[in-house]
Every structure is written in structure tokens, then in C-alpha cells.
C-alpha atoms as a PDB file:
ATOM      1  CA  MET A   1     163.972 100.600 -30.661  1.00  0.00           C
ATOM      2  CA  ILE A   2     164.710  99.750 -34.389  1.00  0.00           C
ATOM      3  CA  THR A   3     167.411  97.341 -34.984  1.00  0.00           C
ATOM      4  CA  ALA A   4     168.432  94.842 -38.343  1.00  0.00           C
ATOM      5  CA  GLY A   5     170.044  91.665 -38.426  1.00  0.00           C
ATOM      6  CA  ILE A   6     171.878  90.208 -41.353  1.00  0.00           C
ATOM      7  CA  ASP A   7     172.459  86.400 -42.207  1.00  0.00           C
ATOM      8  CA  MET A   8     175.181  86.481 -44.974  1.00  0.00           C
ATOM      9  CA  GLY A   9     175.310  82.955 -46.329  1.00  0.00           C
ATOM     10  CA  MET A  10     177.365  81.837 -49.009  1.00  0.00           C
ATOM     11  CA  GLU A  11     174.653  81.669 -51.537  1.00  0.00           C
ATOM     12  CA  TYR A  12     171.757  84.011 -50.214  1.00  0.00           C
ATOM     13  CA  VAL A  13     171.994  87.263 -47.693  1.00  0.00           C
ATOM     14  CA  LYS A  14     168.821  87.744 -45.604  1.00  0.00           C
ATOM     15  CA  ALA A  15     168.147  90.728 -43.521  1.00  0.00           C
ATOM     16  CA  VAL A  16     165.299  91.508 -40.860  1.00  0.00           C
ATOM     17  CA  VAL A  17     164.364  94.746 -39.456  1.00  0.00           C
ATOM     18  CA  LEU A  18     162.962  94.846 -36.073  1.00  0.00           C
ATOM     19  CA  ARG A  19     160.920  97.707 -34.540  1.00  0.00           C
ATOM     20  CA  ASP A  20     160.465  97.260 -30.940  1.00  0.00           C
ATOM     21  CA  GLY A  21     160.835  93.565 -30.877  1.00  0.00           C
ATOM     22  CA  GLU A  22     158.314  92.960 -33.799  1.00  0.00           C
ATOM     23  CA  VAL A  23     159.462  92.043 -37.337  1.00  0.00           C
ATOM     24  CA  ALA A  24     158.969  95.419 -39.571  1.00  0.00           C
ATOM     25  CA  GLY A  25     160.558  94.253 -42.849  1.00  0.00           C
ATOM     26  CA  ARG A  26     162.583  91.482 -44.515  1.00  0.00           C
ATOM     27  CA  GLY A  27     164.891  91.199 -47.556  1.00  0.00           C
ATOM     28  CA  LYS A  28     166.574  88.562 -49.441  1.00  0.00           C
ATOM     29  CA  GLY A  29     169.084  88.317 -52.280  1.00  0.00           C
ATOM     30  CA  LEU A  30     171.913  86.131 -53.747  1.00  0.00           C
ATOM     31  CA  SER A  31     174.994  86.726 -51.554  1.00  0.00           C
ATOM     32  CA  GLY A  32     176.726  88.681 -54.519  1.00  0.00           C
ATOM     33  CA  GLY A  33     180.180  86.749 -54.670  1.00  0.00           C
ATOM     34  CA  ALA A  34     182.945  89.275 -54.352  1.00  0.00           C
ATOM     35  CA  ARG A  35     180.453  91.943 -53.934  1.00  0.00           C
ATOM     36  CA  ARG A  36     178.701  90.756 -50.768  1.00  0.00           C
ATOM     37  CA  GLU A  37     178.783  93.907 -48.971  1.00  0.00           C
ATOM     38  CA  SER A  38     176.685  95.622 -51.631  1.00  0.00           C
ATOM     39  CA  ALA A  39     174.320  92.578 -51.850  1.00  0.00           C
ATOM     40  CA  ALA A  40     173.671  92.875 -47.954  1.00  0.00           C
ATOM     41  CA  ARG A  41     173.285  96.394 -48.305  1.00  0.00           C
ATOM     42  CA  ALA A  42     170.585  95.611 -51.139  1.00  0.00           C
ATOM     43  CA  ALA A  43     168.621  92.951 -49.083  1.00  0.00           C
ATOM     44  CA  LEU A  44     168.890  95.376 -45.863  1.00  0.00           C
ATOM     45  CA  GLY A  45     167.502  98.231 -48.240  1.00  0.00           C
ATOM     46  CA  ASP A  46     164.553  96.069 -49.251  1.00  0.00           C
ATOM     47  CA  ALA A  47     163.806  95.335 -45.583  1.00  0.00           C
ATOM     48  CA  LEU A  48     163.967  99.047 -44.515  1.00  0.00           C
ATOM     49  CA  ASN A  49     161.700  99.826 -47.645  1.00  0.00           C
ATOM     50  CA  GLU A  50     159.186  97.105 -46.264  1.00  0.00           C
ATOM     51  CA  ALA A  51     159.394  98.697 -43.024  1.00  0.00           C
ATOM     52  CA  GLY A  52     159.013 102.330 -44.205  1.00  0.00           C
ATOM     53  CA  LEU A  53     162.415 103.114 -42.808  1.00  0.00           C
ATOM     54  CA  THR A  54     165.585 104.177 -43.856  1.00  0.00           C
ATOM     55  CA  GLU A  55     169.271 103.112 -42.555  1.00  0.00           C
ATOM     56  CA  ALA A  56     169.527 106.369 -40.425  1.00  0.00           C
ATOM     57  CA  ASP A  57     166.739 105.021 -38.339  1.00  0.00           C
ATOM     58  CA  LEU A  58     168.717 101.889 -37.188  1.00  0.00           C
ATOM     59  CA  GLY A  59     170.042 101.720 -33.723  1.00  0.00           C
ATOM     60  CA  GLY A  60     172.312  98.593 -34.451  1.00  0.00           C
ATOM     61  CA  ILE A  61     173.192  95.988 -37.115  1.00  0.00           C
ATOM     62  CA  VAL A  62     174.064  92.557 -36.222  1.00  0.00           C
ATOM     63  CA  ALA A  63     175.547  90.209 -38.681  1.00  0.00           C
ATOM     64  CA  THR A  64     175.944  86.422 -38.917  1.00  0.00           C
ATOM     65  CA  GLY A  65     176.607  83.714 -41.264  1.00  0.00           C
ATOM     66  CA  LYS A  66     179.534  82.528 -43.151  1.00  0.00           C
ATOM     67  CA  GLY A  67     180.187  85.941 -44.862  1.00  0.00           C
ATOM     68  CA  LYS A  68     179.499  88.003 -41.608  1.00  0.00           C
ATOM     69  CA  PHE A  69     183.108  89.416 -41.610  1.00  0.00           C
ATOM     70  CA  ASP A  70     182.677  90.709 -45.089  1.00  0.00           C
ATOM     71  CA  LEU A  71     180.161  93.330 -43.919  1.00  0.00           C
ATOM     72  CA  GLY A  72     182.197  96.140 -42.583  1.00  0.00           C
ATOM     73  CA  PHE A  73     179.230  98.313 -41.877  1.00  0.00           C
ATOM     74  CA  ALA A  74     177.806  95.769 -38.899  1.00  0.00           C
ATOM     75  CA  ASP A  75     178.203  96.960 -35.492  1.00  0.00           C
ATOM     76  CA  LYS A  76     178.793  93.437 -34.485  1.00  0.00           C
ATOM     77  CA  ARG A  77     179.121  89.779 -35.485  1.00  0.00           C
ATOM     78  CA  VAL A  78     177.769  86.502 -34.002  1.00  0.00           C
ATOM     79  CA  THR A  79     178.183  82.874 -34.808  1.00  0.00           C
ATOM     80  CA  GLU A  80     175.208  81.254 -36.624  1.00  0.00           C
ATOM     81  CA  ALA A  81     174.672  79.217 -33.595  1.00  0.00           C
ATOM     82  CA  VAL A  82     174.102  82.080 -31.109  1.00  0.00           C
ATOM     83  CA  ALA A  83     171.910  83.895 -33.925  1.00  0.00           C
ATOM     84  CA  ALA A  84     169.761  80.811 -34.261  1.00  0.00           C
ATOM     85  CA  ALA A  85     169.254  80.088 -30.661  1.00  0.00           C
ATOM     86  CA  LYS A  86     168.190  83.688 -30.103  1.00  0.00           C
ATOM     87  CA  ALA A  87     165.483  83.585 -32.675  1.00  0.00           C
ATOM     88  CA  ALA A  88     164.102  79.902 -31.577  1.00  0.00           C
ATOM     89  CA  LYS A  89     163.635  80.933 -28.076  1.00  0.00           C
ATOM     90  CA  ALA A  90     162.195  84.060 -28.954  1.00  0.00           C
ATOM     91  CA  LEU A  91     159.646  82.345 -31.198  1.00  0.00           C
ATOM     92  CA  HIS A  92     159.169  79.399 -29.009  1.00  0.00           C
ATOM     93  CA  PRO A  93     160.680  79.559 -25.396  1.00  0.00           C
ATOM     94  CA  GLU A  94     159.995  76.121 -24.813  1.00  0.00           C
ATOM     95  CA  THR A  95     162.523  75.288 -27.627  1.00  0.00           C
ATOM     96  CA  THR A  96     165.154  72.398 -26.544  1.00  0.00           C
ATOM     97  CA  CYS A  97     166.748  71.850 -29.878  1.00  0.00           C
ATOM     98  CA  VAL A  98     167.295  73.869 -33.062  1.00  0.00           C
ATOM     99  CA  VAL A  99     168.388  72.264 -36.426  1.00  0.00           C
ATOM    100  CA  ASP A 100     169.210  74.929 -39.328  1.00  0.00           C
ATOM    101  CA  VAL A 101     169.561  73.171 -42.496  1.00  0.00           C
ATOM    102  CA  GLY A 102     170.640  76.108 -45.337  1.00  0.00           C
ATOM    103  CA  CYS A 103     172.339  76.298 -48.711  1.00  0.00           C
ATOM    104  CA  ASP A 104     175.846  75.915 -47.324  1.00  0.00           C
ATOM    105  CA  GLU A 105     175.514  74.550 -43.784  1.00  0.00           C
ATOM    106  CA  THR A 106     173.685  72.084 -41.287  1.00  0.00           C
ATOM    107  CA  LEU A 107     173.569  72.977 -37.690  1.00  0.00           C
ATOM    108  CA  ALA A 108     172.021  71.676 -34.613  1.00  0.00           C
ATOM    109  CA  LEU A 109     172.258  72.818 -31.022  1.00  0.00           C
ATOM    110  CA  THR A 110     170.726  72.168 -27.671  1.00  0.00           C
ATOM    111  CA  PHE A 111     170.157  74.201 -24.562  1.00  0.00           C
ATOM    112  CA  SER A 112     171.090  73.710 -20.993  1.00  0.00           C
ATOM    113  CA  GLN A 113     169.446  76.013 -18.869  1.00  0.00           C
ATOM    114  CA  GLY A 114     167.258  79.127 -20.280  1.00  0.00           C
ATOM    115  CA  ASP A 115     168.622  80.135 -23.337  1.00  0.00           C
ATOM    116  CA  LYS A 116     172.229  79.145 -22.714  1.00  0.00           C
ATOM    117  CA  ILE A 117     173.475  76.743 -25.396  1.00  0.00           C
ATOM    118  CA  ARG A 118     174.870  73.489 -24.185  1.00  0.00           C
ATOM    119  CA  GLU A 119     176.058  71.708 -27.273  1.00  0.00           C
ATOM    120  CA  ALA A 120     176.367  72.824 -30.942  1.00  0.00           C
ATOM    121  CA  VAL A 121     177.535  70.707 -33.904  1.00  0.00           C
ATOM    122  CA  ILE A 122     177.959  71.402 -37.457  1.00  0.00           C
ATOM    123  CA  ASN A 123     178.174  68.973 -40.837  1.00  0.00           C
ATOM    124  CA  GLU A 124     180.998  67.134 -41.822  1.00  0.00           C
ATOM    125  CA  LYS A 125     182.365  68.149 -45.144  1.00  0.00           C
ATOM    126  CA  CYS A 126     180.433  65.520 -47.112  1.00  0.00           C
ATOM    127  CA  ALA A 127     177.240  66.729 -45.626  1.00  0.00           C
ATOM    128  CA  ALA A 128     177.855  70.517 -46.445  1.00  0.00           C
ATOM    129  CA  GLY A 129     175.813  72.526 -48.819  1.00  0.00           C
ATOM    130  CA  LEU A 130     172.604  70.169 -48.907  1.00  0.00           C
ATOM    131  CA  GLY A 131     170.267  73.141 -49.813  1.00  0.00           C
ATOM    132  CA  GLY A 132     172.824  74.059 -52.721  1.00  0.00           C
ATOM    133  CA  PHE A 133     172.862  70.376 -53.578  1.00  0.00           C
ATOM    134  CA  LEU A 134     169.334  70.118 -54.044  1.00  0.00           C
ATOM    135  CA  GLN A 135     168.976  73.053 -55.913  1.00  0.00           C
ATOM    136  CA  HIS A 136     171.499  72.012 -58.686  1.00  0.00           C
ATOM    137  CA  MET A 137     169.972  68.536 -58.630  1.00  0.00           C
ATOM    138  CA  ALA A 138     166.380  70.263 -59.079  1.00  0.00           C
ATOM    139  CA  ARG A 139     168.269  71.981 -62.241  1.00  0.00           C
ATOM    140  CA  ARG A 140     169.560  68.900 -63.622  1.00  0.00           C
ATOM    141  CA  LEU A 141     166.420  66.966 -63.210  1.00  0.00           C
ATOM    142  CA  GLU A 142     164.619  70.152 -64.894  1.00  0.00           C
ATOM    143  CA  LEU A 143     162.174  70.367 -61.856  1.00  0.00           C
ATOM    144  CA  SER A 144     161.331  73.659 -60.189  1.00  0.00           C
ATOM    145  CA  LEU A 145     161.754  74.113 -56.457  1.00  0.00           C
ATOM    146  CA  GLU A 146     158.023  74.105 -56.082  1.00  0.00           C
ATOM    147  CA  GLU A 147     158.058  70.766 -57.921  1.00  0.00           C
ATOM    148  CA  MET A 148     160.913  69.371 -55.630  1.00  0.00           C
ATOM    149  CA  SER A 149     158.782  70.586 -52.430  1.00  0.00           C
ATOM    150  CA  ALA A 150     155.769  68.772 -53.553  1.00  0.00           C
ATOM    151  CA  LEU A 151     157.557  65.388 -54.200  1.00  0.00           C
ATOM    152  CA  PRO A 152     155.854  62.132 -52.756  1.00  0.00           C
ATOM    153  CA  PRO A 153     158.225  59.972 -50.322  1.00  0.00           C
ATOM    154  CA  ALA A 154     160.849  57.825 -51.515  1.00  0.00           C
ATOM    155  CA  VAL A 155     159.728  54.619 -53.505  1.00  0.00           C
ATOM    156  CA  PRO A 156     160.555  51.444 -51.281  1.00  0.00           C
ATOM    157  CA  GLY A 157     162.651  49.415 -53.536  1.00  0.00           C
ATOM    158  CA  GLY A 158     162.873  52.278 -56.056  1.00  0.00           C
ATOM    159  CA  PRO A 159     165.572  54.372 -57.271  1.00  0.00           C
ATOM    160  CA  ALA A 160     168.279  55.116 -54.441  1.00  0.00           C
ATOM    161  CA  VAL A 161     171.244  57.265 -54.364  1.00  0.00           C
ATOM    162  CA  ASN A 162     174.400  57.445 -51.972  1.00  0.00           C
ATOM    163  CA  ASP A 163     173.338  59.082 -48.634  1.00  0.00           C
ATOM    164  CA  GLY A 164     176.987  59.360 -47.207  1.00  0.00           C
ATOM    165  CA  CYS A 165     178.695  61.990 -49.979  1.00  0.00           C
ATOM    166  CA  ILE A 166     176.604  64.144 -52.202  1.00  0.00           C
ATOM    167  CA  VAL A 167     179.201  63.745 -54.746  1.00  0.00           C
ATOM    168  CA  PHE A 168     178.740  60.214 -55.195  1.00  0.00           C
ATOM    169  CA  ALA A 169     174.901  60.978 -54.768  1.00  0.00           C
ATOM    170  CA  GLU A 170     175.151  63.194 -57.979  1.00  0.00           C
ATOM    171  CA  LEU A 171     176.952  60.252 -59.845  1.00  0.00           C
ATOM    172  CA  ASP A 172     174.133  57.951 -58.691  1.00  0.00           C
ATOM    173  CA  MET A 173     171.549  60.355 -60.124  1.00  0.00           C
ATOM    174  CA  LEU A 174     173.212  60.404 -63.731  1.00  0.00           C
ATOM    175  CA  SER A 175     173.462  56.954 -63.666  1.00  0.00           C
ATOM    176  CA  LEU A 176     169.706  56.341 -62.832  1.00  0.00           C
ATOM    177  CA  LEU A 177     169.003  58.652 -65.480  1.00  0.00           C
ATOM    178  CA  ASN A 178     170.960  56.955 -68.065  1.00  0.00           C
ATOM    179  CA  GLN A 179     169.024  53.814 -67.016  1.00  0.00           C
ATOM    180  CA  GLY A 180     165.521  55.543 -67.813  1.00  0.00           C
ATOM    181  CA  ALA A 181     164.413  56.182 -64.161  1.00  0.00           C
ATOM    182  CA  PRO A 182     161.606  58.599 -63.681  1.00  0.00           C
ATOM    183  CA  PRO A 183     163.100  62.071 -62.746  1.00  0.00           C
ATOM    184  CA  ARG A 184     160.594  62.658 -59.929  1.00  0.00           C
ATOM    185  CA  GLU A 185     161.417  59.359 -58.343  1.00  0.00           C
ATOM    186  CA  ILE A 186     165.282  60.245 -58.626  1.00  0.00           C
ATOM    187  CA  ALA A 187     164.489  63.576 -57.021  1.00  0.00           C
ATOM    188  CA  SER A 188     162.594  61.877 -54.189  1.00  0.00           C
ATOM    189  CA  ALA A 189     165.503  59.557 -53.438  1.00  0.00           C
ATOM    190  CA  LEU A 190     167.978  62.499 -53.583  1.00  0.00           C
ATOM    191  CA  THR A 191     165.672  64.354 -51.074  1.00  0.00           C
ATOM    192  CA  ASP A 192     165.619  61.465 -48.716  1.00  0.00           C
ATOM    193  CA  ALA A 193     169.529  61.114 -48.870  1.00  0.00           C
ATOM    194  CA  ALA A 194     169.632  64.708 -47.715  1.00  0.00           C
ATOM    195  CA  ALA A 195     167.434  63.969 -44.893  1.00  0.00           C
ATOM    196  CA  VAL A 196     169.679  61.127 -43.897  1.00  0.00           C
ATOM    197  CA  ARG A 197     172.669  63.434 -43.904  1.00  0.00           C
ATOM    198  CA  THR A 198     170.892  65.875 -41.909  1.00  0.00           C
ATOM    199  CA  CYS A 199     169.994  63.182 -39.199  1.00  0.00           C
ATOM    200  CA  THR A 200     174.055  62.536 -39.101  1.00  0.00           C
ATOM    201  CA  VAL A 201     174.337  66.048 -37.738  1.00  0.00           C
ATOM    202  CA  ILE A 202     171.542  65.622 -35.324  1.00  0.00           C
ATOM    203  CA  ASN A 203     172.859  62.415 -34.260  1.00  0.00           C
ATOM    204  CA  ASP A 204     176.231  64.052 -33.222  1.00  0.00           C
ATOM    205  CA  ILE A 205     174.493  65.835 -30.365  1.00  0.00           C
ATOM    206  CA  THR A 206     175.728  63.895 -27.188  1.00  0.00           C
ATOM    207  CA  ILE A 207     172.930  64.537 -24.991  1.00  0.00           C
ATOM    208  CA  PRO A 208     169.837  64.797 -27.127  1.00  0.00           C
ATOM    209  CA  GLU A 209     166.974  67.210 -26.127  1.00  0.00           C
ATOM    210  CA  MET A 210     164.333  66.561 -28.573  1.00  0.00           C
ATOM    211  CA  ASP A 211     161.046  67.569 -26.743  1.00  0.00           C
ATOM    212  CA  CYS A 212     160.711  70.779 -28.819  1.00  0.00           C
ATOM    213  CA  VAL A 213     162.679  71.028 -31.905  1.00  0.00           C
ATOM    214  CA  VAL A 214     162.476  74.094 -34.426  1.00  0.00           C
ATOM    215  CA  LEU A 215     163.541  73.953 -37.851  1.00  0.00           C
ATOM    216  CA  PHE A 216     165.308  76.784 -39.513  1.00  0.00           C
ATOM    217  CA  GLY A 217     166.808  77.202 -42.849  1.00  0.00           C
ATOM    218  CA  GLY A 218     165.905  77.273 -46.637  1.00  0.00           C
ATOM    219  CA  LEU A 219     165.195  73.572 -46.782  1.00  0.00           C
ATOM    220  CA  ALA A 220     162.458  74.073 -44.133  1.00  0.00           C
ATOM    221  CA  LYS A 221     160.505  75.378 -46.880  1.00  0.00           C
ATOM    222  CA  ASN A 222     160.921  72.343 -48.991  1.00  0.00           C
ATOM    223  CA  LYS A 223     157.789  70.140 -47.630  1.00  0.00           C
ATOM    224  CA  ALA A 224     159.252  67.062 -49.376  1.00  0.00           C
ATOM    225  CA  PHE A 225     162.412  67.474 -47.422  1.00  0.00           C
ATOM    226  CA  VAL A 226     160.662  68.053 -44.139  1.00  0.00           C
ATOM    227  CA  HIS A 227     158.580  65.025 -44.224  1.00  0.00           C
ATOM    228  CA  ALA A 228     161.555  63.043 -45.124  1.00  0.00           C
ATOM    229  CA  LEU A 229     163.328  64.399 -42.108  1.00  0.00           C
ATOM    230  CA  GLN A 230     160.667  63.778 -39.724  1.00  0.00           C
ATOM    231  CA  ALA A 231     160.343  60.251 -41.086  1.00  0.00           C
ATOM    232  CA  ARG A 232     164.086  59.576 -40.785  1.00  0.00           C
ATOM    233  CA  SER A 233     164.699  61.115 -37.520  1.00  0.00           C
ATOM    234  CA  GLY A 234     161.307  60.371 -35.779  1.00  0.00           C
ATOM    235  CA  ILE A 235     161.084  64.170 -34.615  1.00  0.00           C
ATOM    236  CA  GLY A 236     158.073  66.341 -35.140  1.00  0.00           C
ATOM    237  CA  PHE A 237     159.631  69.596 -36.233  1.00  0.00           C
ATOM    238  CA  ILE A 238     158.190  72.996 -35.512  1.00  0.00           C
ATOM    239  CA  VAL A 239     158.617  74.964 -38.630  1.00  0.00           C
ATOM    240  CA  PRO A 240     158.289  78.796 -38.195  1.00  0.00           C
ATOM    241  CA  ASP A 241     156.577  80.779 -41.051  1.00  0.00           C
ATOM    242  CA  ASP A 242     159.856  82.794 -41.933  1.00  0.00           C
ATOM    243  CA  ALA A 243     161.885  79.679 -41.153  1.00  0.00           C
ATOM    244  CA  GLU A 244     164.753  80.632 -43.704  1.00  0.00           C
ATOM    245  CA  TYR A 245     165.100  84.159 -41.898  1.00  0.00           C
ATOM    246  CA  GLY A 246     165.953  82.495 -38.603  1.00  0.00           C
ATOM    247  CA  GLY A 247     169.602  83.582 -38.374  1.00  0.00           C
ATOM    248  CA  ALA A 248     168.622  87.296 -39.572  1.00  0.00           C
ATOM    249  CA  LEU A 249     166.057  87.236 -36.876  1.00  0.00           C
ATOM    250  CA  GLY A 250     168.253  86.209 -34.244  1.00  0.00           C
ATOM    251  CA  ALA A 251     170.895  88.644 -35.047  1.00  0.00           C
ATOM    252  CA  ALA A 252     168.275  91.610 -35.019  1.00  0.00           C
ATOM    253  CA  LEU A 253     167.167  90.321 -31.646  1.00  0.00           C
ATOM    254  CA  ILE A 254     170.785  90.326 -30.220  1.00  0.00           C
ATOM    255  CA  ALA A 255     171.123  93.950 -31.861  1.00  0.00           C
ATOM    256  CA  ALA A 256     168.157  95.221 -29.769  1.00  0.00           C
ATOM    257  CA  ALA A 257     169.515  93.572 -26.834  1.00  0.00           C
ATOM    258  CA  GLY A 258     172.652  95.685 -26.945  1.00  0.00           C
END
């Protein structure tokens, strides 16, 4: 069976095509703003091209993400938590917790029995958009995303920014720049603040199940963020190779399950 999953985020759209339960193609692009459906079709087209297939070959399309209801061509829509849970259990059946840190949302969930979700929590408003925030800060500091990923840990006693509000964190960043603080040290402090904000979401889980924690989302590709998050949380995360495609993979798996 051939199915597709589309994760329609506010900033990026990701698509995964499965053939008999195995990933055959992936596609990614900007969300397209008012043209989200066109952007989703383009990402899906890229995934189909990689798989050597056409849309006519698909047996089902499931959408997830903040913009899932913008995709009129999808056969079904599921919440981000359901898609993330499905992907994590498929990749690592022993998963007890999933943390997804994307451009526009931070999500954490645990399981009760099997693959049933026991509890799911998402960010407060001040923790929203951590991925987008770090991208914006990288541009302000004239650092590439690769340079952000390779940053060393924040320096003890070095530059620090507000870890309770991303708006105040940006103001702190500007103040530090005006004081002549090194941009890379500021970037490390911003990354650490993002890790702290992610921990606040994880800590909202009332019954922690941290034996096997899978990390999804675009920020899972940022090695400096992952290291800071592990140091702050004390959790040894499992980071799948295609962590940013977790939502799309889960959606495609749900499409295959009917």
C-alpha cells in the first residue's frame, strides 16, 4: 500500500510517502502563507518524485500540523500529538515519552498502555515558536544554522538572556550586542534559554515516563540545542535520523492503517 502524510506547520511543510510501511520519499518547503495548499502539494510532489510515484498511486493522504485544515485534498486530519505518537512507536516501540520541538510549537506526550496516549501537553504562549525564534536570532547575529548547531555550551558566568519570555530574550540579546558581548556566546545563551523553555513543557507532564524519550522536530537537528536540552533536563534523548519528519511520518502511517 502507498500512502502519504503531510505535516503542515506555520513555517514549513513536510511530506512523507510510504510504500508498504517503508519511507519511499520525502519533501519539504516553506508553508506558503496564504498559499498553503499549493505549498503542501509541492512538498508532496517532491516526495512522490523521490519515490518514483505519482499522486494517482496514493491510497490515502493524512494531514497534521497547525495548517492541516487548509489542505482540502487530504482524506483525513489528525492532531500533532497523535501523529507524533504513531511515528515514535513505529520507530522505537519501547518509547515512553515523545518531545517535539518545532518552529511553531513544543509538544510533550506520554503513553499509558501500548501506543495509547496518556497525557499530552503543549507550550504556553511565551514558549511558542522556539524554532522560529532561534532562526530569527541566528539572522540577527549573522550566524548560519550550521554555526548555531555547532555552538559550544553556554559559558558559566557569561552572557545570559531571559528564559521566561522570548520577547525579553531578544531584548537581552540586543543589549548584550550593544555591550560588545561576542555573538557566539550570546547565541549559546539563547540556545540554553530555548532548552529551559522546552523543559517547562516537559515538566508539565504530571506522571513522567522518561525511560525512553524520542525527540522530534526541526530543533532536533540543532546539536547545540539537543546538548543543552539534555543537560537541562537530565534526559538522554533518542533523535531519529529524520526527526523533523516525525509528524509527516506518523500521518502517513495512520493513512496506511486506514
